[in-house]
Protein backbone atom coordinates (compact mmCIF):
# COMPACT_ATOMS: atom_id res chain seq x y z
CA MET A 1 0.10 -0.06 0.22
CA SER A 2 1.63 3.37 -1.18
CA LEU A 3 1.08 6.63 1.29
CA TYR A 4 2.41 9.91 1.41
CA ARG A 5 4.32 12.04 3.56
CA ARG A 6 5.79 15.73 3.52
CA GLY A 7 9.58 15.62 2.66
CA ARG A 8 12.06 18.12 3.86
CA LEU A 9 11.29 20.74 1.41
CA GLY A 10 7.62 20.30 1.95
CA ARG A 11 7.07 18.23 -0.99
CA LEU A 12 4.94 15.12 -0.93
CA GLU A 13 6.88 11.80 -1.30
CA GLN A 14 5.67 8.52 -1.81
CA PHE A 15 6.42 5.31 0.45
CA ASP A 16 5.13 1.95 1.08
CA GLU A 17 3.81 1.05 4.18
CA PRO A 18 5.15 -2.01 5.59
CA SER A 19 2.70 -4.98 5.48
CA LEU A 20 1.55 -6.59 8.75
CA GLY A 21 3.54 -9.56 8.80
CA CYS A 22 6.67 -7.41 7.95
CA CYS A 23 6.07 -5.06 11.12
CA ALA A 24 5.23 -8.06 13.32
CA MET A 25 8.67 -9.71 12.27
CA GLN A 26 10.55 -6.41 12.73
CA LEU A 27 8.98 -5.91 16.47
CA ALA A 28 9.93 -9.51 17.06
CA THR A 29 13.60 -8.80 15.99
CA TYR A 30 13.57 -5.47 18.34
CA PHE A 31 12.26 -7.30 21.44
CA THR A 32 14.07 -10.35 20.92
CA SER A 33 17.47 -8.60 21.01
CA PHE A 34 16.00 -6.44 24.18
CA ALA A 35 15.36 -9.61 25.72
CA PHE A 36 18.76 -11.40 25.07
CA SER A 37 20.49 -8.20 26.28
CA LEU A 38 18.82 -8.28 29.37
CA PHE A 39 19.05 -12.23 29.71
CA GLY A 40 22.82 -12.12 29.30
CA ASN A 41 23.19 -9.03 32.01
CA SER A 42 20.84 -11.53 34.32
CA ILE A 43 23.38 -14.51 33.62
CA ALA A 44 26.49 -12.18 34.44
CA ASN A 45 25.16 -10.71 37.62
CA VAL A 46 24.85 -14.46 38.95
CA VAL A 47 27.58 -16.11 37.42
CA LEU A 48 30.37 -13.31 38.00
CA PRO A 49 30.23 -12.52 41.68
CA VAL A 50 30.43 -16.60 42.27
CA LEU A 51 33.41 -16.90 39.88
CA VAL A 52 35.18 -14.30 41.52
CA LEU A 53 34.83 -15.50 45.05
CA VAL A 54 35.83 -19.09 44.03
CA SER A 55 38.68 -17.83 42.13
CA THR A 56 40.15 -15.46 44.51
CA GLY A 57 38.66 -16.58 47.67
CA GLU A 58 38.01 -12.70 49.23
CA ALA A 59 34.69 -11.02 49.56
CA LEU A 60 36.74 -7.70 49.08
CA SER A 61 37.84 -8.99 45.65
CA ALA A 62 33.99 -9.02 44.54
CA GLY A 63 33.73 -5.60 45.89
CA LEU A 64 36.62 -3.94 43.94
CA VAL A 65 35.25 -5.71 40.64
CA ALA A 66 31.81 -4.17 41.27
CA LEU A 67 33.48 -0.46 42.04
CA ALA A 68 35.26 -1.00 38.65
CA SER A 69 32.24 -1.82 36.77
CA GLY A 70 30.33 0.86 38.49
CA ALA A 71 32.88 3.42 37.82
CA SER A 72 33.14 2.79 34.08
CA THR A 73 29.40 2.25 33.89
CA PHE A 74 28.62 5.77 35.19
CA VAL A 75 31.07 7.64 33.13
CA PHE A 76 30.08 5.85 29.81
CA GLY A 77 26.38 6.38 30.89
CA LEU A 78 26.98 9.78 31.09
CA LEU A 79 29.01 10.19 27.93
CA SER A 80 26.29 8.02 25.77
CA GLY A 81 23.70 10.73 26.16
CA PRO A 82 24.77 13.07 23.89
CA LEU A 83 25.85 10.24 21.24
CA ILE A 84 22.26 8.80 21.56
CA ASP A 85 20.68 11.95 20.45
CA ARG A 86 22.94 12.25 17.76
CA TYR A 87 23.78 9.22 15.91
CA ASP A 88 22.00 5.99 15.11
CA ARG A 89 20.36 4.46 18.26
CA ARG A 90 20.30 1.01 16.58
CA LEU A 91 23.91 1.11 15.82
CA LEU A 92 24.92 2.42 19.37
CA ALA A 93 22.85 -0.21 20.93
CA SER A 94 24.32 -2.94 18.83
CA ALA A 95 28.19 -1.74 19.21
CA GLY A 96 27.39 -1.44 23.36
CA ASP A 97 26.32 -5.27 23.18
CA LEU A 98 29.31 -6.13 21.25
CA VAL A 99 31.88 -4.50 23.81
CA SER A 100 29.69 -6.46 26.52
CA ALA A 101 29.99 -9.58 24.68
CA SER A 102 33.64 -8.89 24.34
CA SER A 103 34.41 -8.51 27.84
CA ILE A 104 32.72 -11.68 29.04
CA GLY A 105 34.35 -13.46 26.10
CA LEU A 106 37.72 -12.40 27.33
CA LEU A 107 36.95 -13.79 30.68
CA ALA A 108 35.97 -16.90 28.87
CA THR A 109 38.99 -16.96 26.85
CA VAL A 110 41.38 -16.66 29.78
CA GLY A 111 39.57 -18.93 31.96
CA THR A 112 39.54 -21.55 28.93
CA PHE A 113 43.27 -21.24 28.14
CA GLY A 114 44.79 -19.88 31.22
CA GLU A 115 44.22 -18.81 34.79
CA LEU A 116 41.62 -16.35 35.95
CA SER A 117 42.99 -13.50 38.46
CA LEU A 118 41.71 -10.23 40.13
CA THR A 119 43.20 -8.21 37.44
CA TRP A 120 41.37 -9.93 34.55
CA PHE A 121 37.95 -9.69 36.49
CA ILE A 122 38.63 -5.83 36.93
CA ILE A 123 39.38 -5.29 33.37
CA SER A 124 36.43 -7.42 32.18
CA ALA A 125 34.44 -5.36 34.72
CA PHE A 126 35.28 -2.26 33.28
CA LEU A 127 35.14 -2.91 29.66
CA SER A 128 31.45 -4.40 30.61
CA GLY A 129 30.49 -0.97 32.04
CA ILE A 130 31.49 0.62 28.73
CA GLY A 131 28.86 -1.33 26.62
CA ASP A 132 26.27 -2.04 29.22
CA MET A 133 24.66 1.21 29.97
CA PRO A 134 24.99 2.81 26.40
CA ALA A 135 23.15 -0.09 24.92
CA TRP A 136 20.36 -0.04 27.58
CA ASN A 137 19.98 3.55 26.93
CA ALA A 138 20.16 3.66 22.99
CA ARG A 139 17.89 0.46 23.11
CA GLU A 140 15.39 2.31 25.56
CA ALA A 141 15.33 5.67 23.37
CA MET A 142 14.83 3.37 20.13
CA ILE A 143 11.04 2.81 21.38
CA TYR A 144 10.13 6.26 19.44
CA GLY A 145 11.51 4.99 16.43
CA VAL A 146 9.69 1.66 16.88
CA GLN A 147 6.54 3.61 17.42
CA ARG A 148 6.58 5.64 14.36
CA HIS A 149 7.80 2.95 12.06
CA SER A 150 5.28 0.03 13.31
CA ARG A 151 2.28 2.66 14.17
CA VAL A 152 1.72 0.82 17.22
CA ALA A 153 0.55 2.56 20.52
CA LEU A 154 3.51 3.89 22.53
CA GLN A 155 1.92 2.54 25.85
CA THR A 156 1.38 -0.91 24.28
CA LEU A 157 5.18 -1.02 23.16
CA VAL A 158 5.92 0.07 26.83
CA GLY A 159 4.00 -2.54 28.13
CA VAL A 160 5.33 -5.31 25.95
CA ARG A 161 8.91 -4.08 26.85
CA GLU A 162 8.27 -4.07 30.70
CA THR A 163 6.67 -7.54 30.52
CA VAL A 164 9.86 -9.07 28.47
CA SER A 165 12.14 -7.15 31.12
CA ALA A 166 10.47 -8.72 33.79
CA LEU A 167 10.63 -12.42 32.47
CA ALA A 168 14.13 -11.89 31.26
CA ILE A 169 15.17 -10.89 34.94
CA VAL A 170 13.22 -14.11 36.50
CA ILE A 171 14.41 -16.78 33.97
CA GLY A 172 17.92 -15.62 33.50
CA PRO A 173 19.11 -15.99 36.86
CA THR A 174 17.31 -19.07 37.37
CA PHE A 175 18.81 -20.52 33.57
CA ALA A 176 22.03 -19.35 35.09
CA GLY A 177 21.64 -21.43 38.51
CA LEU A 178 20.70 -24.63 36.34
CA LEU A 179 24.20 -24.24 33.97
CA MET A 180 26.40 -23.74 37.02
CA ASN A 181 24.68 -26.83 38.66
CA PHE A 182 25.71 -29.06 35.51
CA PHE A 183 28.48 -27.20 33.51
CA ASP A 184 31.98 -25.69 34.18
CA ALA A 185 31.75 -22.12 34.95
CA ARG A 186 34.03 -21.47 31.72
CA LEU A 187 31.05 -22.76 29.60
CA VAL A 188 28.67 -20.47 31.31
CA LEU A 189 30.83 -17.48 30.56
CA TRP A 190 30.74 -18.78 26.81
CA VAL A 191 26.84 -18.46 26.86
CA THR A 192 26.90 -15.12 28.52
CA ALA A 193 29.08 -13.89 25.74
CA ALA A 194 26.91 -15.52 23.29
CA THR A 195 23.56 -13.95 24.45
CA SER A 196 25.07 -10.30 24.09
CA LEU A 197 26.55 -11.30 20.68
CA ILE A 198 22.94 -12.18 19.85
CA ALA A 199 21.50 -9.07 21.07
CA GLY A 200 23.85 -7.23 19.20
CA THR A 201 23.53 -8.96 15.85
CA LEU A 202 19.78 -8.85 16.13
CA CYS A 203 20.00 -5.22 16.73
CA LEU A 204 21.55 -4.68 13.53
CA ALA A 205 19.06 -6.80 11.98
CA ALA A 206 16.25 -4.16 13.10
CA PRO A 207 14.75 -1.55 10.52
CA ARG A 208 17.19 1.48 10.29
CA ALA A 209 14.19 3.61 11.18
CA TYR A 210 14.26 2.32 14.56
CA GLY A 211 17.40 4.15 15.22
CA ARG A 212 16.60 7.33 13.88
CA MET A 213 15.66 10.60 15.84
CA ASP A 214 12.72 12.78 14.75
CA LYS A 215 12.22 16.31 15.66
CA SER A 216 8.70 15.42 16.82
CA GLU A 217 10.22 13.80 19.89
CA GLY A 218 10.75 17.24 21.09
CA GLU A 219 13.93 18.82 23.04
CA SER A 220 13.36 17.17 26.24
CA SER A 221 14.76 13.87 24.47
CA LYS A 222 18.04 15.65 23.98
CA ILE A 223 18.55 16.27 27.58
CA THR A 224 22.06 14.72 28.52
CA TYR A 225 22.60 13.01 31.74
CA TRP A 226 24.89 15.86 33.15
CA THR A 227 22.13 18.38 32.29
CA SER A 228 19.67 15.96 34.30
CA PHE A 229 22.26 15.58 37.03
CA ARG A 230 22.67 19.49 37.44
CA ASP A 231 18.86 20.31 36.90
CA GLY A 232 17.69 17.46 39.19
CA ILE A 233 20.01 18.59 42.02
CA VAL A 234 18.85 22.17 41.73
CA PHE A 235 15.07 21.24 41.49
CA LEU A 236 15.47 18.95 44.67
CA GLY A 237 17.27 21.58 46.54
CA ARG A 238 14.43 24.00 46.47
CA SER A 239 12.43 24.09 49.73
CA LYS A 240 9.25 22.97 48.71
CA ASN A 241 10.54 19.96 47.12
CA ALA A 242 11.18 18.28 50.65
CA VAL A 243 9.10 15.30 50.21
CA LEU A 244 10.69 14.57 46.63
CA ARG A 245 13.93 14.77 48.35
CA THR A 246 13.14 11.99 50.87
CA LEU A 247 11.67 10.01 48.29
CA THR A 248 14.41 10.06 46.19
CA GLY A 249 16.75 9.23 49.14
CA LEU A 250 14.55 6.09 49.80
CA ASN A 251 14.90 5.06 46.23
CA VAL A 252 18.54 5.48 46.33
CA ALA A 253 19.04 3.57 49.57
CA SER A 254 16.76 0.96 48.39
CA VAL A 255 19.17 0.44 45.14
CA MET A 256 22.00 0.30 47.30
CA LEU A 257 20.16 -2.37 49.38
CA VAL A 258 19.41 -4.56 46.48
CA SER A 259 22.70 -4.46 45.13
CA ILE A 260 24.22 -5.41 48.19
CA LEU A 261 22.27 -8.54 48.52
CA GLN A 262 22.21 -9.76 45.03
CA GLY A 263 26.01 -8.83 44.14
CA LEU A 264 27.50 -9.74 47.32
CA LEU A 265 25.72 -11.28 50.76
CA ILE A 266 23.79 -14.00 48.84
CA PRO A 267 26.62 -15.14 46.65
CA VAL A 268 28.98 -15.13 49.61
CA PHE A 269 26.69 -16.92 51.44
CA MET A 270 26.04 -19.40 48.60
CA THR A 271 29.64 -19.87 48.21
CA LEU A 272 30.53 -20.57 51.77
CA ARG A 273 27.76 -23.41 51.81
CA ASP A 274 29.39 -24.91 48.37
CA ALA A 275 26.04 -24.04 46.74
CA GLY A 276 26.97 -21.20 44.02
CA TYR A 277 24.31 -23.17 41.68
CA ALA A 278 21.73 -21.76 43.94
CA ASN A 279 22.71 -18.09 43.86
CA GLY A 280 20.62 -17.98 40.42
CA PRO A 281 17.57 -19.37 41.86
CA ALA A 282 17.72 -16.89 45.07
CA LEU A 283 17.91 -13.74 42.56
CA ALA A 284 15.27 -15.26 40.40
CA ALA A 285 12.92 -15.36 43.53
CA VAL A 286 13.51 -11.63 44.47
CA GLY A 287 12.64 -11.10 40.80
CA LEU A 288 9.42 -13.35 41.04
CA GLY A 289 8.76 -11.68 44.58
CA LEU A 290 8.68 -8.35 42.81
CA LEU A 291 6.52 -9.58 40.17
CA SER A 292 4.20 -10.92 42.48
CA GLY A 293 4.23 -7.86 44.57
CA GLY A 294 3.31 -5.53 41.51
CA VAL A 295 0.48 -8.08 40.76
CA ILE A 296 -1.00 -7.87 44.54
CA TYR A 297 -0.51 -3.75 44.22
CA ALA A 298 -2.22 -3.83 41.23
CA LEU A 299 -5.30 -5.52 42.64
CA VAL A 300 -5.59 -3.99 45.91
CA GLY A 301 -4.08 -0.54 45.57
CA THR A 302 -6.95 1.44 44.88
CA LYS A 303 -8.94 -0.56 47.78
CA VAL A 304 -6.89 0.04 50.76
CA HIS A 305 -5.65 3.54 52.01
CA ALA A 306 -2.18 4.69 50.94
CA TRP A 307 -0.63 5.30 54.39
CA PRO A 308 -1.70 1.93 56.21
CA LEU A 309 -0.32 0.34 53.26
CA MET A 310 2.67 2.25 53.04
CA LEU A 311 3.06 1.50 56.77
CA GLY A 312 2.63 -2.17 56.39
CA ALA A 313 4.73 -2.65 53.53
CA SER A 314 7.67 -0.78 55.17
CA LEU A 315 7.56 -3.10 58.28
CA LEU A 316 7.13 -6.39 56.21
CA ASN A 317 10.29 -5.00 54.36
CA VAL A 318 12.35 -4.58 57.49
CA VAL A 319 11.25 -7.73 58.65
CA GLY A 320 11.80 -9.66 55.46
CA LEU A 321 15.39 -8.28 55.39
CA VAL A 322 16.18 -9.25 59.08
CA LEU A 323 14.71 -13.08 58.50
CA LEU A 324 16.87 -13.23 54.96
CA VAL A 325 20.04 -12.16 56.57
CA GLN A 326 19.66 -14.89 58.99
CA PHE A 327 20.79 -17.19 56.05
CA TYR A 328 19.65 -20.57 58.01
CA SER A 329 20.08 -22.64 55.05
CA VAL A 330 19.91 -22.67 51.11
CA ILE A 331 16.19 -23.31 50.76
CA TYR A 332 15.27 -20.87 53.80
CA THR A 333 17.16 -18.09 51.88
CA ILE A 334 15.41 -18.67 48.76
CA VAL A 335 12.24 -18.51 50.24
CA MET A 336 12.94 -15.22 52.46
CA CYS A 337 14.35 -13.90 49.10
CA PHE A 338 10.58 -14.00 47.49
CA PHE A 339 9.08 -12.78 50.80
CA PHE A 340 11.47 -9.82 50.64
CA GLY A 341 10.78 -9.09 46.96
CA VAL A 342 7.21 -8.87 47.22
CA SER A 343 7.42 -6.37 50.19
CA SER A 344 9.93 -4.31 48.35
CA ALA A 345 7.64 -4.26 45.42
CA ALA A 346 4.35 -3.06 47.48
CA LEU A 347 6.48 -0.34 49.10
CA GLY A 348 8.09 0.77 45.68
CA ALA A 349 4.73 0.84 44.29
CA VAL A 350 3.23 3.17 46.85
CA THR A 351 6.28 5.35 46.86
CA GLY A 352 6.34 5.46 43.17
CA VAL A 353 2.86 6.65 42.93
CA VAL A 354 3.55 9.52 45.51
CA SER A 355 6.81 10.56 43.87
CA LEU A 356 5.00 10.75 40.35
CA GLN A 357 2.39 13.11 42.18
CA VAL A 358 4.82 15.30 43.65
CA THR A 359 7.06 15.70 40.56
CA PRO A 360 5.96 18.34 37.94
CA GLU A 361 5.52 16.51 34.47
CA GLU A 362 8.08 18.39 32.89
CA MET A 363 10.84 17.24 35.35
CA ARG A 364 10.22 13.77 35.75
CA GLY A 365 12.95 12.83 33.00
CA ARG A 366 15.56 14.49 35.04
CA ILE A 367 14.66 13.52 38.22
CA ASN A 368 14.46 9.72 36.70
CA GLY A 369 18.09 10.90 35.26
CA LEU A 370 19.49 12.15 38.58
CA GLN A 371 18.37 8.74 40.28
CA ASN A 372 19.98 6.72 37.65
CA SER A 373 22.88 8.40 37.82
CA PHE A 374 23.03 8.15 41.59
CA SER A 375 22.18 4.43 41.22
CA MET A 376 25.11 3.83 38.99
CA VAL A 377 27.60 4.72 41.66
CA ILE A 378 25.75 4.05 45.02
CA GLY A 379 25.16 0.11 44.20
CA PRO A 380 28.79 -0.60 43.72
CA LEU A 381 29.92 1.36 46.63
CA GLY A 382 27.80 -0.18 48.78
CA ILE A 383 28.88 -3.69 47.52
CA PHE A 384 32.56 -2.39 48.11
CA LEU A 385 31.79 -1.10 51.58
CA THR A 386 29.96 -4.26 52.73
CA ALA A 387 32.69 -6.47 51.22
CA TRP A 388 35.34 -4.32 53.20
CA LEU A 389 33.22 -4.90 56.52
CA ILE A 390 33.17 -8.51 55.61
CA SER A 391 36.72 -8.91 55.17
CA GLY A 392 37.27 -7.45 58.75
CA THR A 393 34.61 -9.08 60.39
CA SER A 394 32.00 -11.83 59.24
CA VAL A 395 28.69 -12.13 56.56
CA THR A 396 26.83 -12.06 59.93
CA SER A 397 27.95 -8.74 61.21
CA ALA A 398 27.68 -7.27 57.53
CA GLY A 399 24.13 -8.40 57.41
CA TRP A 400 22.93 -7.02 60.55
CA ALA A 401 24.74 -3.75 59.70
CA LEU A 402 22.38 -3.69 56.70
CA VAL A 403 19.42 -4.28 58.73
CA ILE A 404 20.38 -1.45 61.11
CA PHE A 405 20.97 0.98 58.03
CA TRP A 406 17.54 -0.11 56.36
CA MET A 407 15.81 0.52 59.93
CA ILE A 408 17.02 3.77 60.30
CA VAL A 409 16.04 4.84 56.39
CA ASN A 410 12.69 3.53 56.88
CA ALA A 411 12.10 5.27 60.51
CA LEU A 412 13.31 8.76 59.04
CA PHE A 413 10.97 8.14 56.14
CA LEU A 414 7.83 6.91 58.02
CA LEU A 415 8.57 9.72 60.96
CA ASN A 416 8.56 12.71 58.19
CA LYS A 417 5.32 14.44 58.73
CA ARG A 418 5.44 15.93 55.06
CA VAL A 419 6.00 12.50 53.68
CA ARG A 420 2.93 11.09 55.74
CA ARG A 421 0.81 14.02 54.42
CA ALA A 422 1.49 13.61 50.87
CA VAL A 423 0.88 9.93 51.15
CA GLN A 424 -2.48 10.37 52.94
CA GLU A 425 -3.36 12.92 49.96
CA SER A 426 -2.11 10.36 47.33
CA GLN A 427 -5.27 8.41 47.20
C-alpha cells in the first residue's frame, strides 16, 4: 500500500507502508534483541560474583570488581547521552552489546586457556561498563523510532517491553543457576558472551528507521545525563520539594540495599555453603517476588488507604530483611528472597505513585536521570564497603549492619510528617 508524507522541502513523497506481517517480524526482532541483552546481563549478575569469590577466595575482591564496573558504567553512561541523541541508536545499541560480549568473552578465553585472576575480572568489569549502559540507554530511546515505524501505540510497546524485561530478569538467574549446577563455569561464560553477541546482531537486523531520531520527539529527549544531574540537583534543593528529596533518598538507599544483597551477601553465603548454583534461583526468587508484589498492588492498591499500606509494606520489608540475613539454609534463603521481593514491590509501588504526584511532568525525566546517575554509583560503592566490612568481620555482621541501615532509613521516612501528609493525600 502506497502512502504519502511531507519531505524536508515540504513536497509530498511516496513511500510503501510495511505489511502487517513485516511489522510483526521487525517488532519481534527488536524485542528479542532486548530480551537477549537483559538475559545476558541477568546471567552475568549471577555467575560473576560467584566466580570472583571462588577464584580469589576474598569478598573484598568482589567489591573491587563491582567498583570498577560501577565507575565505568557511570562515566560511559553519562557520555552516551549526547551520542544517543545525535547518531543512529540502533548502531549504538548494537555496538554496546558487542562490547559487553567481548568483555565476557575475554574472561571465557582466559579461563579456558589460562588462569583467571583479580586483574582479569577488573579489566572485564570495566569493559562491560563501557557497553552495558550505552546499549541499554540507546535501546530504550529506540522505542520512539519503533513506534513511528510500526504505528503501534507507545503504551502497548512499553507494556510489552516491561513484560519482556520482567521475564528476562526472572528466567535469567534461574537459567544461570542450572548451568552452574551442571556445567563448568567457563562454559557458562561462553553462553553469557553468546547472548550479548546475539542481542547485538539482532539489533543490527532491525529496520534502520528504529534508530533514527525525529524532531517531533522534542527537545526534552536531547537532555544529556550531565544536564539531568545538574537540573535534578537544583530542583531537589528547593524548599518546596522536601517530600521529593525524601522519596529520592529512599529510592537510592533501596537500590544500594538490593545491589548489596544480590551482588555480594547472597553470593558469599551460597559460595561458603558450596552452593554457588543456588545463587541464580535466589536472585530469581527476588524477581518473582517483585512481580508478585506488583500484581498484588495492582489488585488492592486502589482499595486500601495509601498510608496504612505504606506502613505495612515498610514494616514487612524490614522484617523480611531481618529474616533473610539469618541465612539458615539454602532453601530458607531462597524463600526469604521471595518474601523480601514481595514487600519491596509493595513499598516501591506506593512510593512510586507519590513520587509521580509530587514531581511536575516536565521534570520527571530529569529526576529519573538523577536517580539513575546516583544508582550507577551507590550500588557498587555499597558492595565495596560491605565487602570491606565482611573481610574485617563476618557475613553475619555485615548482614546486621545492613538491617540497621535499612531500619534507620525507613524510620526517617515514616516519621517525616510531610511525607505522611503527601501519602495520605495521594489517594
